[in-house]
PDB file of N, CA and C in Angstrom:
ATOM      1  N   MET A   1     227.205 -77.644 -33.983  1.00  0.00           N
ATOM      2  CA  MET A   1     225.932 -77.290 -33.781  1.00  0.00           C
ATOM      3  C   MET A   1     225.196 -75.866 -33.609  1.00  0.00           C
ATOM      4  N   ASP A   2     224.356 -75.313 -34.461  1.00  0.00           N
ATOM      5  CA  ASP A   2     224.031 -73.794 -34.071  1.00  0.00           C
ATOM      6  C   ASP A   2     222.674 -74.284 -32.957  1.00  0.00           C
ATOM      7  N   SER A   3     222.380 -72.978 -32.436  1.00  0.00           N
ATOM      8  CA  SER A   3     221.675 -73.174 -31.209  1.00  0.00           C
ATOM      9  C   SER A   3     220.908 -71.605 -31.412  1.00  0.00           C
ATOM     10  N   VAL A   4     219.590 -71.765 -30.714  1.00  0.00           N
ATOM     11  CA  VAL A   4     218.863 -70.474 -30.640  1.00  0.00           C
ATOM     12  C   VAL A   4     218.301 -70.778 -29.135  1.00  0.00           C
ATOM     13  N   ALA A   5     218.545 -69.528 -28.493  1.00  0.00           N
ATOM     14  CA  ALA A   5     217.784 -69.189 -27.242  1.00  0.00           C
ATOM     15  C   ALA A   5     216.638 -68.743 -27.223  1.00  0.00           C
ATOM     16  N   LEU A   6     215.439 -69.299 -26.518  1.00  0.00           N
ATOM     17  CA  LEU A   6     214.418 -68.516 -26.241  1.00  0.00           C
ATOM     18  C   LEU A   6     214.171 -67.960 -24.672  1.00  0.00           C
ATOM     19  N   PHE A   7     213.545 -66.885 -24.717  1.00  0.00           N
ATOM     20  CA  PHE A   7     212.911 -66.506 -23.218  1.00  0.00           C
ATOM     21  C   PHE A   7     211.675 -66.669 -23.057  1.00  0.00           C
ATOM     22  N   LEU A   8     211.017 -67.788 -22.604  1.00  0.00           N
ATOM     23  CA  LEU A   8     209.383 -67.669 -22.660  1.00  0.00           C
ATOM     24  C   LEU A   8     209.054 -67.840 -21.033  1.00  0.00           C
ATOM     25  N   SER A   9     207.703 -67.294 -20.944  1.00  0.00           N
ATOM     26  CA  SER A   9     207.128 -67.361 -19.375  1.00  0.00           C
ATOM     27  C   SER A   9     206.791 -68.998 -19.196  1.00  0.00           C
ATOM     28  N   ARG A  10     206.938 -69.280 -17.779  1.00  0.00           N
ATOM     29  CA  ARG A  10     206.467 -70.526 -17.347  1.00  0.00           C
ATOM     30  C   ARG A  10     205.358 -70.727 -17.938  1.00  0.00           C
ATOM     31  N   GLU A  11     204.327 -69.987 -17.841  1.00  0.00           N
ATOM     32  CA  GLU A  11     202.795 -70.250 -18.233  1.00  0.00           C
ATOM     33  C   GLU A  11     202.590 -70.469 -19.939  1.00  0.00           C
ATOM     34  N   TYR A  12     203.544 -69.631 -20.498  1.00  0.00           N
ATOM     35  CA  TYR A  12     203.494 -69.869 -22.060  1.00  0.00           C
ATOM     36  C   TYR A  12     204.113 -70.988 -22.499  1.00  0.00           C
ATOM     37  N   THR A  13     205.186 -71.523 -21.374  1.00  0.00           N
ATOM     38  CA  THR A  13     205.742 -73.043 -21.850  1.00  0.00           C
ATOM     39  C   THR A  13     204.720 -74.072 -21.640  1.00  0.00           C
ATOM     40  N   LEU A  14     203.816 -74.012 -20.573  1.00  0.00           N
ATOM     41  CA  LEU A  14     203.000 -74.792 -20.495  1.00  0.00           C
ATOM     42  C   LEU A  14     201.899 -74.939 -21.514  1.00  0.00           C
ATOM     43  N   HIS A  15     201.585 -73.772 -22.201  1.00  0.00           N
ATOM     44  CA  HIS A  15     200.860 -73.862 -23.201  1.00  0.00           C
ATOM     45  C   HIS A  15     201.396 -74.253 -24.659  1.00  0.00           C
ATOM     46  N   ILE A  16     202.492 -74.237 -24.700  1.00  0.00           N
ATOM     47  CA  ILE A  16     203.365 -74.995 -25.843  1.00  0.00           C
ATOM     48  C   ILE A  16     203.528 -76.449 -25.732  1.00  0.00           C
ATOM     49  N   ILE A  17     203.658 -76.820 -24.371  1.00  0.00           N
ATOM     50  CA  ILE A  17     203.672 -78.348 -24.046  1.00  0.00           C
ATOM     51  C   ILE A  17     202.323 -79.001 -24.392  1.00  0.00           C
ATOM     52  N   GLN A  18     201.297 -78.175 -23.978  1.00  0.00           N
ATOM     53  CA  GLN A  18     199.955 -78.623 -24.585  1.00  0.00           C
ATOM     54  C   GLN A  18     199.686 -78.898 -26.133  1.00  0.00           C
ATOM     55  N   ALA A  19     200.168 -77.974 -26.591  1.00  0.00           N
ATOM     56  CA  ALA A  19     200.014 -77.735 -28.245  1.00  0.00           C
ATOM     57  C   ALA A  19     200.775 -79.058 -28.481  1.00  0.00           C
ATOM     58  N   LEU A  20     201.901 -79.088 -28.214  1.00  0.00           N
ATOM     59  CA  LEU A  20     202.942 -80.303 -28.624  1.00  0.00           C
ATOM     60  C   LEU A  20     202.139 -81.544 -28.222  1.00  0.00           C
ATOM     61  N   ARG A  21     201.377 -81.601 -27.157  1.00  0.00           N
ATOM     62  CA  ARG A  21     200.845 -83.125 -26.887  1.00  0.00           C
ATOM     63  C   ARG A  21     199.705 -83.399 -27.907  1.00  0.00           C
ATOM     64  N   GLU A  22     199.019 -82.370 -28.194  1.00  0.00           N
ATOM     65  CA  GLU A  22     197.768 -82.412 -28.999  1.00  0.00           C
ATOM     66  C   GLU A  22     198.476 -82.742 -30.462  1.00  0.00           C
ATOM     67  N   ALA A  23     199.456 -82.061 -30.939  1.00  0.00           N
ATOM     68  CA  ALA A  23     200.051 -82.418 -32.021  1.00  0.00           C
ATOM     69  C   ALA A  23     200.388 -83.680 -32.292  1.00  0.00           C
ATOM     70  N   LYS A  24     200.993 -84.456 -31.188  1.00  0.00           N
ATOM     71  CA  LYS A  24     201.391 -85.554 -31.394  1.00  0.00           C
ATOM     72  C   LYS A  24     200.401 -86.803 -31.505  1.00  0.00           C
ATOM     73  N   ALA A  25     199.559 -86.502 -30.629  1.00  0.00           N
ATOM     74  CA  ALA A  25     198.347 -87.461 -30.250  1.00  0.00           C
ATOM     75  C   ALA A  25     197.631 -87.291 -31.843  1.00  0.00           C
ATOM     76  N   LYS A  26     197.371 -86.205 -32.430  1.00  0.00           N
ATOM     77  CA  LYS A  26     196.924 -86.099 -33.975  1.00  0.00           C
ATOM     78  C   LYS A  26     197.517 -86.934 -34.925  1.00  0.00           C
ATOM     79  N   CYS A  27     198.974 -86.797 -35.037  1.00  0.00           N
ATOM     80  CA  CYS A  27     199.783 -87.330 -35.598  1.00  0.00           C
ATOM     81  C   CYS A  27     199.830 -89.163 -35.229  1.00  0.00           C
ATOM     82  N   GLU A  28     199.939 -89.659 -34.180  1.00  0.00           N
ATOM     83  CA  GLU A  28     199.548 -90.910 -33.664  1.00  0.00           C
ATOM     84  C   GLU A  28     198.174 -91.450 -34.352  1.00  0.00           C
ATOM     85  N   GLY A  29     197.160 -90.557 -34.305  1.00  0.00           N
ATOM     86  CA  GLY A  29     195.988 -91.047 -34.594  1.00  0.00           C
ATOM     87  C   GLY A  29     195.930 -91.345 -36.225  1.00  0.00           C
ATOM     88  N   ASP A  30     196.627 -90.424 -36.989  1.00  0.00           N
ATOM     89  CA  ASP A  30     196.500 -90.796 -38.595  1.00  0.00           C
ATOM     90  C   ASP A  30     197.404 -91.567 -38.950  1.00  0.00           C
ATOM     91  N   GLY A  31     198.611 -91.944 -38.058  1.00  0.00           N
ATOM     92  CA  GLY A  31     199.793 -92.735 -38.737  1.00  0.00           C
ATOM     93  C   GLY A  31     201.053 -91.992 -38.985  1.00  0.00           C
ATOM     94  N   ARG A  32     201.062 -90.715 -38.576  1.00  0.00           N
ATOM     95  CA  ARG A  32     202.484 -90.348 -38.781  1.00  0.00           C
ATOM     96  C   ARG A  32     203.401 -90.237 -37.682  1.00  0.00           C
ATOM     97  N   ARG A  33     204.068 -91.535 -37.628  1.00  0.00           N
ATOM     98  CA  ARG A  33     204.964 -91.668 -36.515  1.00  0.00           C
ATOM     99  C   ARG A  33     205.888 -91.095 -36.440  1.00  0.00           C
ATOM    100  N   ILE A  34     206.607 -90.569 -37.501  1.00  0.00           N
ATOM    101  CA  ILE A  34     208.052 -89.855 -37.099  1.00  0.00           C
ATOM    102  C   ILE A  34     207.819 -88.690 -36.794  1.00  0.00           C
ATOM    103  N   MET A  35     206.775 -87.754 -37.289  1.00  0.00           N
ATOM    104  CA  MET A  35     206.296 -86.497 -36.623  1.00  0.00           C
ATOM    105  C   MET A  35     205.917 -86.684 -35.182  1.00  0.00           C
ATOM    106  N   ALA A  36     204.952 -87.650 -34.847  1.00  0.00           N
ATOM    107  CA  ALA A  36     204.803 -87.816 -33.506  1.00  0.00           C
ATOM    108  C   ALA A  36     205.742 -87.896 -32.541  1.00  0.00           C
ATOM    109  N   LYS A  37     206.884 -88.511 -33.118  1.00  0.00           N
ATOM    110  CA  LYS A  37     208.090 -88.717 -32.273  1.00  0.00           C
ATOM    111  C   LYS A  37     208.749 -87.759 -32.277  1.00  0.00           C
ATOM    112  N   GLN A  38     208.909 -86.776 -33.335  1.00  0.00           N
ATOM    113  CA  GLN A  38     209.597 -85.312 -33.217  1.00  0.00           C
ATOM    114  C   GLN A  38     208.951 -84.494 -32.253  1.00  0.00           C
ATOM    115  N   TYR A  39     207.379 -84.549 -32.248  1.00  0.00           N
ATOM    116  CA  TYR A  39     206.854 -83.547 -31.254  1.00  0.00           C
ATOM    117  C   TYR A  39     207.004 -84.058 -29.779  1.00  0.00           C
ATOM    118  N   GLU A  40     207.164 -85.185 -29.616  1.00  0.00           N
ATOM    119  CA  GLU A  40     207.232 -85.937 -28.420  1.00  0.00           C
ATOM    120  C   GLU A  40     208.794 -85.507 -27.751  1.00  0.00           C
ATOM    121  N   GLU A  41     209.750 -85.595 -28.576  1.00  0.00           N
ATOM    122  CA  GLU A  41     211.183 -84.836 -28.256  1.00  0.00           C
ATOM    123  C   GLU A  41     211.322 -83.639 -28.200  1.00  0.00           C
ATOM    124  N   VAL A  42     210.393 -82.648 -28.863  1.00  0.00           N
ATOM    125  CA  VAL A  42     210.573 -81.339 -28.279  1.00  0.00           C
ATOM    126  C   VAL A  42     209.651 -81.292 -26.905  1.00  0.00           C
ATOM    127  N   GLU A  43     208.415 -81.876 -26.935  1.00  0.00           N
ATOM    128  CA  GLU A  43     207.923 -81.623 -25.586  1.00  0.00           C
ATOM    129  C   GLU A  43     208.973 -81.860 -24.234  1.00  0.00           C
ATOM    130  N   THR A  44     209.613 -83.137 -24.764  1.00  0.00           N
ATOM    131  CA  THR A  44     210.552 -83.571 -23.567  1.00  0.00           C
ATOM    132  C   THR A  44     211.477 -82.181 -23.232  1.00  0.00           C
ATOM    133  N   ILE A  45     212.140 -81.598 -24.422  1.00  0.00           N
ATOM    134  CA  ILE A  45     212.697 -80.710 -24.009  1.00  0.00           C
ATOM    135  C   ILE A  45     212.220 -79.577 -23.268  1.00  0.00           C
ATOM    136  N   MET A  46     211.043 -78.992 -23.866  1.00  0.00           N
ATOM    137  CA  MET A  46     210.380 -77.796 -22.940  1.00  0.00           C
ATOM    138  C   MET A  46     209.710 -78.187 -21.611  1.00  0.00           C
ATOM    139  N   ARG A  47     209.720 -79.402 -21.323  1.00  0.00           N
ATOM    140  CA  ARG A  47     209.031 -80.086 -19.902  1.00  0.00           C
ATOM    141  C   ARG A  47     210.424 -79.681 -19.201  1.00  0.00           C
ATOM    142  N   ALA A  48     211.566 -80.014 -19.777  1.00  0.00           N
ATOM    143  CA  ALA A  48     212.778 -79.982 -18.652  1.00  0.00           C
ATOM    144  C   ALA A  48     213.053 -78.477 -18.576  1.00  0.00           C
ATOM    145  N   GLN A  49     212.772 -77.798 -19.572  1.00  0.00           N
ATOM    146  CA  GLN A  49     212.945 -76.179 -19.410  1.00  0.00           C
ATOM    147  C   GLN A  49     212.097 -75.802 -18.230  1.00  0.00           C
ATOM    148  N   HIS A  50     210.830 -76.232 -18.295  1.00  0.00           N
ATOM    149  CA  HIS A  50     209.722 -75.562 -17.405  1.00  0.00           C
ATOM    150  C   HIS A  50     210.039 -76.126 -16.181  1.00  0.00           C
ATOM    151  N   ASP A  51     210.367 -77.202 -15.890  1.00  0.00           N
ATOM    152  CA  ASP A  51     210.789 -77.827 -14.667  1.00  0.00           C
ATOM    153  C   ASP A  51     212.032 -77.163 -14.139  1.00  0.00           C
ATOM    154  N   ILE A  52     213.214 -76.779 -14.780  1.00  0.00           N
ATOM    155  CA  ILE A  52     214.201 -75.941 -14.292  1.00  0.00           C
ATOM    156  C   ILE A  52     213.661 -74.468 -13.710  1.00  0.00           C
ATOM    157  N   ALA A  53     212.882 -74.022 -14.571  1.00  0.00           N
ATOM    158  CA  ALA A  53     212.221 -72.569 -14.392  1.00  0.00           C
ATOM    159  C   ALA A  53     211.549 -72.633 -13.182  1.00  0.00           C
ATOM    160  N   GLN A  54     210.638 -73.673 -13.028  1.00  0.00           N
ATOM    161  CA  GLN A  54     210.090 -73.859 -11.701  1.00  0.00           C
ATOM    162  C   GLN A  54     210.787 -74.021 -10.470  1.00  0.00           C
ATOM    163  N   SER A  55     211.850 -74.871 -10.734  1.00  0.00           N
ATOM    164  CA  SER A  55     212.659 -75.080  -9.405  1.00  0.00           C
ATOM    165  C   SER A  55     213.428 -73.617  -9.058  1.00  0.00           C
ATOM    166  N   ILE A  56     213.758 -72.826 -10.077  1.00  0.00           N
ATOM    167  CA  ILE A  56     214.366 -71.650  -9.744  1.00  0.00           C
ATOM    168  C   ILE A  56     213.547 -70.641  -9.089  1.00  0.00           C
ATOM    169  N   ARG A  57     212.287 -70.745  -9.540  1.00  0.00           N
ATOM    170  CA  ARG A  57     211.169 -69.904  -9.073  1.00  0.00           C
ATOM    171  C   ARG A  57     210.982 -70.235  -7.544  1.00  0.00           C
ATOM    172  N   GLU A  58     210.854 -71.555  -7.273  1.00  0.00           N
ATOM    173  CA  GLU A  58     210.659 -71.916  -5.844  1.00  0.00           C
ATOM    174  C   GLU A  58     211.683 -71.518  -4.794  1.00  0.00           C
ATOM    175  N   ASN A  59     212.830 -71.766  -5.396  1.00  0.00           N
ATOM    176  CA  ASN A  59     214.186 -71.405  -4.704  1.00  0.00           C
ATOM    177  C   ASN A  59     214.196 -69.980  -4.350  1.00  0.00           C
ATOM    178  N   MET A  60     213.713 -69.081  -5.319  1.00  0.00           N
ATOM    179  CA  MET A  60     213.583 -67.746  -5.281  1.00  0.00           C
ATOM    180  C   MET A  60     212.596 -67.131  -4.172  1.00  0.00           C
ATOM    181  N   ASP A  61     211.420 -67.845  -4.141  1.00  0.00           N
ATOM    182  CA  ASP A  61     210.458 -67.560  -3.448  1.00  0.00           C
ATOM    183  C   ASP A  61     211.028 -68.102  -1.786  1.00  0.00           C
ATOM    184  N   ARG A  62     211.548 -69.035  -1.720  1.00  0.00           N
ATOM    185  CA  ARG A  62     211.889 -69.628  -0.433  1.00  0.00           C
ATOM    186  C   ARG A  62     212.825 -68.660   0.155  1.00  0.00           C
ATOM    187  N   ASN A  63     213.683 -67.815  -0.623  1.00  0.00           N
ATOM    188  CA  ASN A  63     214.823 -67.250  -0.024  1.00  0.00           C
ATOM    189  C   ASN A  63     214.674 -65.543  -0.443  1.00  0.00           C
ATOM    190  N   GLY A  64     213.552 -65.358  -0.386  1.00  0.00           N
ATOM    191  CA  GLY A  64     213.098 -63.837  -0.370  1.00  0.00           C
ATOM    192  C   GLY A  64     213.887 -63.156  -1.633  1.00  0.00           C
ATOM    193  N   GLY A  65     213.760 -64.093  -2.709  1.00  0.00           N
ATOM    194  CA  GLY A  65     213.808 -63.390  -4.126  1.00  0.00           C
ATOM    195  C   GLY A  65     215.566 -63.608  -4.536  1.00  0.00           C
ATOM    196  N   ASP A  66     216.079 -64.138  -3.551  1.00  0.00           N
ATOM    197  CA  ASP A  66     217.524 -64.361  -4.189  1.00  0.00           C
ATOM    198  C   ASP A  66     217.596 -65.883  -4.361  1.00  0.00           C
ATOM    199  N   TYR A  67     218.484 -65.988  -5.370  1.00  0.00           N
ATOM    200  CA  TYR A  67     218.838 -67.476  -5.709  1.00  0.00           C
ATOM    201  C   TYR A  67     219.873 -68.023  -5.207  1.00  0.00           C
ATOM    202  N   THR A  68     219.928 -69.034  -4.251  1.00  0.00           N
ATOM    203  CA  THR A  68     220.812 -69.765  -3.392  1.00  0.00           C
ATOM    204  C   THR A  68     221.021 -71.019  -3.893  1.00  0.00           C
ATOM    205  N   ILE A  69     222.142 -71.438  -3.801  1.00  0.00           N
ATOM    206  CA  ILE A  69     222.771 -72.858  -3.911  1.00  0.00           C
ATOM    207  C   ILE A  69     222.877 -73.552  -2.876  1.00  0.00           C
TER     208      ILE A  69
END
């Protein structure tokens, strides 16, 4: 499988998640179930990425800028 890595800010990621939710809702409203499901899958991935980034930020804030396990 080919992969692509993106570097996005946590704030921008939230904007993307919101846009995906809106697109999913629009697709559900006009019957495009397959597209709605695809938007939902991408939203799930973006939400997981945001949660990881948020966890790392909180860890660094607690530890004076260092990430500790």
